[in-house]
């Protein structure tokens, strides 16, 4: 069973491609913001046991291809990555 991850109760291969954009698709993800955003997203993924397969931060959008444990729903992952966990 190659390519599958393992937790204490399951073997899984839950991979999602997330894309999100800033409001009005403004080009705000540049200069100092881009490396800091990369750090934050990497730390969040490590904290949630999510593996980043691929990712790209463009000036007007973010792409992330992630391997997510089945205990996290795609909507929960997006809320955490976008910083809306308190709602």
Protein backbone atom coordinates (compact mmCIF):
# COMPACT_ATOMS: atom_id res chain seq x y z
CA UNK A 1 0.00 0.00 0.00
CA UNK A 2 2.40 2.60 -1.25
CA UNK A 3 1.54 6.27 -1.05
CA UNK A 4 -0.77 5.90 1.93
CA UNK A 5 -0.24 7.57 5.30
CA UNK A 6 -0.98 5.89 8.57
CA UNK A 7 -2.56 6.93 11.85
CA UNK A 8 -3.31 4.83 14.91
CA UNK A 9 -6.64 3.61 13.49
CA UNK A 10 -6.49 4.10 9.74
CA UNK A 11 -4.53 4.10 6.53
CA UNK A 12 -5.45 7.05 4.39
CA UNK A 13 -4.70 9.08 1.33
CA UNK A 14 -6.78 12.25 1.62
CA UNK A 15 -5.24 14.80 -0.71
CA UNK A 16 -6.81 18.17 -1.40
CA UNK A 17 -5.91 21.06 -3.70
CA UNK A 18 -6.76 24.36 -2.02
CA UNK A 19 -6.71 27.71 -3.82
CA UNK A 20 -7.67 31.03 -2.29
CA UNK A 21 -7.39 34.67 -3.28
CA UNK A 22 -7.26 38.01 -1.45
CA UNK A 23 -10.29 40.25 -1.71
CA UNK A 24 -10.71 41.69 -5.21
CA UNK A 25 -7.65 39.61 -6.20
CA UNK A 26 -5.32 42.47 -5.26
CA UNK A 27 -1.58 41.77 -5.64
CA UNK A 28 -0.72 41.89 -1.93
CA UNK A 29 1.26 38.64 -1.48
CA UNK A 30 4.62 40.19 -2.39
CA UNK A 31 7.86 41.44 -0.80
CA UNK A 32 7.99 40.77 2.97
CA UNK A 33 4.52 39.24 3.11
CA UNK A 34 5.33 36.23 0.89
CA UNK A 35 8.11 34.65 3.05
CA UNK A 36 6.19 35.34 6.27
CA UNK A 37 3.02 33.75 4.84
CA UNK A 38 5.08 30.70 3.81
CA UNK A 39 6.42 30.40 7.39
CA UNK A 40 2.95 30.69 8.92
CA UNK A 41 1.39 28.13 6.57
CA UNK A 42 4.26 25.69 7.15
CA UNK A 43 3.95 26.02 10.94
CA UNK A 44 0.18 25.52 10.82
CA UNK A 45 0.52 22.41 8.67
CA UNK A 46 3.12 20.94 11.02
CA UNK A 47 0.88 21.70 14.01
CA UNK A 48 -2.12 19.96 12.37
CA UNK A 49 -0.07 16.96 11.09
CA UNK A 50 -0.73 17.99 7.49
CA UNK A 51 1.86 17.23 4.83
CA UNK A 52 2.46 19.88 2.16
CA UNK A 53 2.88 18.02 -1.13
CA UNK A 54 3.16 21.16 -3.24
CA UNK A 55 2.52 24.84 -2.74
CA UNK A 56 2.89 28.18 -4.47
CA UNK A 57 2.30 31.73 -3.32
CA UNK A 58 1.58 34.00 -6.27
CA UNK A 59 1.04 37.76 -5.95
CA UNK A 60 -2.75 37.39 -6.16
CA UNK A 61 -3.50 33.82 -4.97
CA UNK A 62 -2.22 30.81 -3.01
CA UNK A 63 -2.14 27.16 -4.18
CA UNK A 64 -1.59 24.31 -1.74
CA UNK A 65 -1.77 20.59 -2.44
CA UNK A 66 -2.02 18.88 0.95
CA UNK A 67 -2.24 15.41 2.44
CA UNK A 68 -4.70 15.77 5.32
CA UNK A 69 -5.47 13.22 8.06
CA UNK A 70 -9.10 12.01 7.97
CA UNK A 71 -9.77 13.57 11.38
CA UNK A 72 -9.74 17.03 9.71
CA UNK A 73 -12.44 18.09 7.26
CA UNK A 74 -11.47 20.21 4.24
CA UNK A 75 -13.54 23.11 5.60
CA UNK A 76 -11.72 22.95 8.96
CA UNK A 77 -8.33 22.95 7.22
CA UNK A 78 -9.27 26.01 5.15
CA UNK A 79 -10.53 27.85 8.24
CA UNK A 80 -7.26 27.18 10.04
CA UNK A 81 -5.05 28.16 7.11
CA UNK A 82 -7.01 31.36 6.44
CA UNK A 83 -7.04 32.28 10.14
CA UNK A 84 -10.77 32.02 10.73
CA UNK A 85 -10.74 29.40 13.49
CA UNK A 86 -12.46 31.65 16.05
CA UNK A 87 -15.72 31.99 14.14
